[in-house]
């Protein structure tokens, strides 16, 4: 109870459907009801198909020591109920956590991935094979977030996604807060929030454009990884990328008083 009363933690009841096609999604069976120490738990929405897609906070019903928790439902399939300690965090706190990750993608790896996307994998071929490839001079890439429609401020992606396109981190977290899903808005694959990383290649691109004061929202990327604004001639300027160009968004490293391994829920205090 100390963590709940003094450290901002909550206890959450959560339920998943074992055969759900959407990994990590919270899902409740029909006629779900939860009691804690004999008290019916009030929820913000109906528990069951088409109802609440989030966990249920039960901290206010708990007592010091042992507690009795009961769950009844009419399941159509195999469900699992779990009780977990969670740390509600604001969107700004989650942004800070993600921006200060120590296991993000290296710039060299990100650049190689971008080159593979631009060339269709030609970056893996030797020089003789590349001469046989018929490739476009460059590939156009939109820097606008698919969620907000504005130019991204913090270009992010899920670690396992193989596409080039990114999304703005804060815009995505705002969407996830509403939908209760960690789904890539580009390829629609489901992941966990721990899989989100800053894209170092496009972070550099956007930072360079911001420093120049330009309003560029689209660039073209050459097969060697260099780029230029789409509204400029390809020979007018070349922007190459090296490891020295990379720096993380300027945020104060902090874990906000808890382990980053704690289960995370987005709070309503934004």
Protein backbone atom coordinates (compact mmCIF):
# COMPACT_ATOMS: atom_id res chain seq x y z
CA UNK A 1 0.00 0.00 0.00
CA UNK A 2 2.98 2.31 0.44
CA UNK A 3 3.57 2.47 -3.34
CA UNK A 4 -0.11 3.25 -3.91
CA UNK A 5 -0.41 5.90 -1.22
CA UNK A 6 2.96 7.62 -1.64
CA UNK A 7 4.49 6.77 -5.04
CA UNK A 8 1.59 7.18 -7.44
CA UNK A 9 1.14 3.51 -8.30
CA UNK A 10 -2.20 1.84 -9.03
CA UNK A 11 -3.41 -1.76 -8.91
CA UNK A 12 -5.12 -2.79 -12.12
CA UNK A 13 -7.24 -5.81 -13.04
CA UNK A 14 -6.65 -6.76 -16.67
CA UNK A 15 -8.01 -9.45 -18.95
CA UNK A 16 -6.89 -10.89 -22.27
CA UNK A 17 -8.32 -13.37 -24.77
CA UNK A 18 -5.68 -16.01 -25.44
CA UNK A 19 -6.62 -16.49 -29.09
CA UNK A 20 -6.93 -12.78 -29.87
CA UNK A 21 -5.53 -11.79 -33.27
CA UNK A 22 -4.47 -8.42 -31.81
CA UNK A 23 -1.51 -9.08 -29.56
CA UNK A 24 -1.33 -7.15 -26.24
CA UNK A 25 -4.98 -6.01 -26.51
CA UNK A 26 -7.10 -5.86 -23.37
CA UNK A 27 -10.36 -7.75 -23.87
CA UNK A 28 -13.15 -8.73 -21.47
CA UNK A 29 -15.67 -11.60 -21.87
CA UNK A 30 -19.43 -11.05 -21.78
CA UNK A 31 -21.11 -10.23 -18.45
CA UNK A 32 -17.81 -9.51 -16.72
CA UNK A 33 -18.08 -8.42 -13.10
CA UNK A 34 -15.34 -7.81 -10.55
CA UNK A 35 -15.69 -7.71 -6.77
CA UNK A 36 -12.97 -6.66 -4.34
CA UNK A 37 -13.52 -7.44 -0.67
CA UNK A 38 -17.23 -7.89 -1.41
CA UNK A 39 -17.59 -4.54 -3.19
CA UNK A 40 -18.70 -4.27 -6.81
CA UNK A 41 -16.01 -2.46 -8.79
CA UNK A 42 -17.39 0.49 -10.72
CA UNK A 43 -15.98 0.86 -14.23
CA UNK A 44 -15.97 3.74 -16.72
CA UNK A 45 -17.50 1.55 -19.39
CA UNK A 46 -19.29 -1.77 -19.81
CA UNK A 47 -17.05 -4.80 -19.44
CA UNK A 48 -17.49 -7.19 -22.34
CA UNK A 49 -17.41 -7.30 -26.16
CA UNK A 50 -17.57 -3.81 -27.62
CA UNK A 51 -17.11 -2.27 -24.18
CA UNK A 52 -14.12 -1.15 -22.12
CA UNK A 53 -10.79 -1.86 -23.83
CA UNK A 54 -8.64 -1.06 -20.84
CA UNK A 55 -7.81 -2.48 -17.45
CA UNK A 56 -9.84 -1.66 -14.35
CA UNK A 57 -8.24 0.23 -11.47
CA UNK A 58 -9.09 -1.37 -8.12
CA UNK A 59 -6.71 0.44 -5.76
CA UNK A 60 -9.47 2.25 -3.86
CA UNK A 61 -11.11 -1.06 -2.96
CA UNK A 62 -7.99 -2.62 -1.42
CA UNK A 63 -7.07 -2.94 2.24
CA UNK A 64 -3.73 -3.42 3.91
CA UNK A 65 -2.87 -7.15 3.99
CA UNK A 66 -4.94 -9.86 2.30
CA UNK A 67 -7.70 -8.97 -0.16
CA UNK A 68 -10.46 -11.05 -1.73
CA UNK A 69 -10.90 -10.52 -5.48
CA UNK A 70 -13.60 -12.37 -7.44
CA UNK A 71 -14.36 -12.33 -11.14
CA UNK A 72 -17.42 -13.73 -12.90
CA UNK A 73 -18.21 -13.78 -16.62
CA UNK A 74 -19.76 -15.71 -19.50
CA UNK A 75 -16.68 -16.38 -21.60
CA UNK A 76 -16.78 -17.57 -25.19
CA UNK A 77 -13.24 -18.93 -25.33
CA UNK A 78 -10.27 -18.91 -22.99
CA UNK A 79 -9.59 -15.68 -21.10
CA UNK A 80 -7.01 -14.89 -18.45
CA UNK A 81 -7.46 -12.39 -15.64
CA UNK A 82 -4.42 -10.70 -14.14
CA UNK A 83 -3.77 -8.29 -11.30
CA UNK A 84 -0.79 -6.01 -11.73
CA UNK A 85 0.90 -2.99 -10.20
CA UNK A 86 1.07 -0.16 -12.76
CA UNK A 87 2.55 3.32 -12.89
CA UNK A 88 0.33 5.92 -14.62
CA UNK A 89 2.48 8.28 -16.67
CA UNK A 90 1.77 11.39 -18.68
CA UNK A 91 2.49 11.58 -22.42
CA UNK A 92 5.45 13.86 -21.67
CA UNK A 93 6.90 11.32 -19.22
CA UNK A 94 6.59 8.47 -21.74
CA UNK A 95 8.22 10.64 -24.41
CA UNK A 96 11.13 11.27 -22.06
CA UNK A 97 11.50 7.56 -21.31
CA UNK A 98 11.54 6.62 -25.01
CA UNK A 99 13.89 9.44 -25.99
CA UNK A 100 16.39 8.37 -23.33
CA UNK A 101 16.44 4.67 -24.15
CA UNK A 102 19.93 3.21 -24.23
CA UNK A 103 19.09 0.33 -26.58
CA UNK A 104 17.73 2.27 -29.54
CA UNK A 105 18.75 1.81 -33.16
CA UNK A 106 22.25 2.93 -34.17
CA UNK A 107 22.53 5.56 -36.88
CA UNK A 108 24.59 3.30 -39.15
CA UNK A 109 21.95 0.59 -38.88
CA UNK A 110 19.15 3.08 -39.52
CA UNK A 111 20.92 4.48 -42.58
CA UNK A 112 21.51 0.98 -43.95
CA UNK A 113 17.83 0.17 -43.44
CA UNK A 114 16.78 3.33 -45.27
CA UNK A 115 19.13 2.51 -48.15
CA UNK A 116 17.64 -0.98 -48.39
CA UNK A 117 14.15 0.54 -48.58
CA UNK A 118 15.21 3.03 -51.26
CA UNK A 119 17.08 0.52 -53.39
CA UNK A 120 14.87 -2.48 -52.86
CA UNK A 121 17.71 -4.33 -51.14
CA UNK A 122 20.40 -3.33 -53.63
CA UNK A 123 22.62 -2.14 -50.78
CA UNK A 124 23.38 -5.78 -50.06
CA UNK A 125 24.65 -6.46 -53.61
CA UNK A 126 28.26 -6.19 -54.72
CA UNK A 127 29.40 -3.49 -57.20
CA UNK A 128 29.02 -5.68 -60.29
CA UNK A 129 25.49 -6.69 -59.35
CA UNK A 130 24.50 -3.11 -58.57
CA UNK A 131 25.45 -2.04 -62.10
CA UNK A 132 22.74 -4.36 -63.39
CA UNK A 133 20.08 -2.85 -61.13
CA UNK A 134 17.78 -0.27 -62.68
CA UNK A 135 17.02 2.09 -59.82
CA UNK A 136 15.38 5.48 -59.52
CA UNK A 137 17.70 8.38 -58.76
CA UNK A 138 15.89 9.01 -55.49
CA UNK A 139 12.81 8.12 -53.48
CA UNK A 140 10.39 10.74 -52.13
CA UNK A 141 9.57 10.50 -48.40
CA UNK A 142 6.84 12.46 -46.66
CA UNK A 143 7.89 13.91 -43.29
CA UNK A 144 4.31 14.53 -42.21
CA UNK A 145 2.95 12.39 -39.39
CA UNK A 146 0.20 10.01 -40.59
CA UNK A 147 -1.73 10.81 -37.39
CA UNK A 148 -1.51 14.60 -37.01
CA UNK A 149 -0.85 15.58 -40.62
CA UNK A 150 1.86 17.99 -39.50
CA UNK A 151 5.60 17.60 -39.92
CA UNK A 152 6.99 15.24 -37.33
CA UNK A 153 8.87 16.69 -34.36
CA UNK A 154 10.16 13.39 -32.92
CA UNK A 155 10.31 10.78 -35.69
CA UNK A 156 9.57 7.38 -34.18
CA UNK A 157 8.79 3.84 -35.21
CA UNK A 158 8.39 0.37 -33.79
CA UNK A 159 11.66 -1.53 -33.68
CA UNK A 160 10.47 -4.50 -35.76
CA UNK A 161 8.83 -2.49 -38.55
CA UNK A 162 10.69 -2.76 -41.86
CA UNK A 163 9.14 0.25 -43.61
CA UNK A 164 10.78 3.68 -43.88
CA UNK A 165 7.82 5.76 -42.78
CA UNK A 166 7.69 7.10 -39.22
CA UNK A 167 5.18 8.81 -36.96
CA UNK A 168 5.45 11.70 -34.52
CA UNK A 169 5.97 10.34 -31.02
CA UNK A 170 3.66 12.67 -29.09
CA UNK A 171 0.90 12.36 -31.70
CA UNK A 172 1.10 8.57 -31.52
CA UNK A 173 0.99 8.52 -27.72
CA UNK A 174 -2.09 10.73 -27.81
CA UNK A 175 -3.72 8.22 -30.16
CA UNK A 176 -2.67 5.27 -28.00
CA UNK A 177 -4.16 6.96 -24.95
CA UNK A 178 -7.53 7.03 -26.72
CA UNK A 179 -7.48 3.67 -28.49
CA UNK A 180 -5.67 1.72 -25.74
CA UNK A 181 -3.64 0.05 -28.50
CA UNK A 182 0.05 0.07 -29.40
CA UNK A 183 -0.55 -0.44 -33.12
CA UNK A 184 1.72 0.95 -35.82
CA UNK A 185 -0.34 3.52 -37.77
CA UNK A 186 1.58 2.64 -40.94
CA UNK A 187 1.67 -1.17 -41.19
CA UNK A 188 -1.09 -1.76 -38.58
CA UNK A 189 0.97 -4.38 -36.72
CA UNK A 190 0.45 -4.67 -32.96
CA UNK A 191 3.36 -4.22 -30.59
CA UNK A 192 4.12 -3.18 -27.02
CA UNK A 193 5.08 0.35 -25.97
CA UNK A 194 8.58 -0.93 -25.12
CA UNK A 195 9.11 -1.54 -28.87
CA UNK A 196 8.91 2.17 -29.75
CA UNK A 197 12.23 3.79 -30.66
CA UNK A 198 13.40 7.10 -32.07
CA UNK A 199 14.39 6.78 -35.72
CA UNK A 200 17.93 8.26 -35.75
CA UNK A 201 18.01 8.82 -39.52
CA UNK A 202 14.81 10.85 -39.73
CA UNK A 203 15.49 12.52 -36.39
CA UNK A 204 18.63 13.95 -37.97
CA UNK A 205 16.78 14.97 -41.13
CA UNK A 206 14.05 16.80 -39.21
CA UNK A 207 16.54 18.46 -36.87
CA UNK A 208 18.54 19.73 -39.86
CA UNK A 209 15.42 21.15 -41.50
CA UNK A 210 14.30 22.81 -38.25
CA UNK A 211 17.71 24.43 -37.80
CA UNK A 212 17.55 25.81 -41.33
CA UNK A 213 14.15 27.38 -40.71
CA UNK A 214 12.66 25.74 -43.80
CA UNK A 215 9.09 24.46 -43.93
CA UNK A 216 10.03 21.37 -45.93
CA UNK A 217 7.61 18.48 -45.47
CA UNK A 218 9.00 16.10 -48.09
CA UNK A 219 12.52 14.99 -48.96
CA UNK A 220 14.11 12.77 -51.55
CA UNK A 221 16.61 10.11 -50.52
CA UNK A 222 19.31 8.86 -52.85
CA UNK A 223 20.57 5.29 -53.03
CA UNK A 224 23.64 6.21 -50.94
CA UNK A 225 21.49 7.52 -48.07
CA UNK A 226 22.06 11.22 -48.74
CA UNK A 227 18.97 13.43 -49.08
CA UNK A 228 17.68 16.79 -50.26
CA UNK A 229 14.36 18.68 -50.00
CA UNK A 230 11.91 17.69 -52.72
CA UNK A 231 11.40 21.30 -53.74
CA UNK A 232 15.10 21.67 -54.60
CA UNK A 233 17.03 20.31 -57.56
CA UNK A 234 18.91 17.11 -56.75
CA UNK A 235 22.21 18.76 -57.64
CA UNK A 236 21.71 21.94 -55.60
CA UNK A 237 22.54 20.50 -52.23
CA UNK A 238 23.46 17.18 -50.68
CA UNK A 239 22.82 16.29 -47.06
CA UNK A 240 24.88 13.29 -46.03
CA UNK A 241 24.54 11.61 -42.67
CA UNK A 242 27.32 10.47 -40.35
CA UNK A 243 27.34 9.19 -36.81
CA UNK A 244 28.51 12.60 -35.58
CA UNK A 245 25.21 14.09 -36.77
CA UNK A 246 23.10 12.10 -34.32
CA UNK A 247 21.95 13.42 -30.99
CA UNK A 248 18.87 12.48 -29.02
CA UNK A 249 16.05 14.99 -28.46
CA UNK A 250 17.04 17.27 -25.61
CA UNK A 251 15.14 15.90 -22.65
CA UNK A 252 16.24 15.41 -19.08
CA UNK A 253 17.01 11.73 -18.41
CA UNK A 254 14.73 10.48 -15.65
CA UNK A 255 12.77 7.41 -14.76
CA UNK A 256 10.21 9.45 -12.85
CA UNK A 257 10.70 7.55 -9.60
CA UNK A 258 10.09 4.02 -10.85
CA UNK A 259 11.65 1.21 -12.81
CA UNK A 260 11.19 1.45 -16.56
CA UNK A 261 10.21 -2.22 -16.44
CA UNK A 262 6.97 -1.33 -14.60
CA UNK A 263 3.79 -1.94 -16.62
CA UNK A 264 2.74 1.40 -18.10
CA UNK A 265 -0.61 3.09 -18.53
CA UNK A 266 -1.14 6.61 -19.85
CA UNK A 267 -2.67 8.87 -17.21
CA UNK A 268 -5.47 11.38 -17.73
CA UNK A 269 -3.49 14.27 -16.27
CA UNK A 270 -2.10 15.58 -19.60
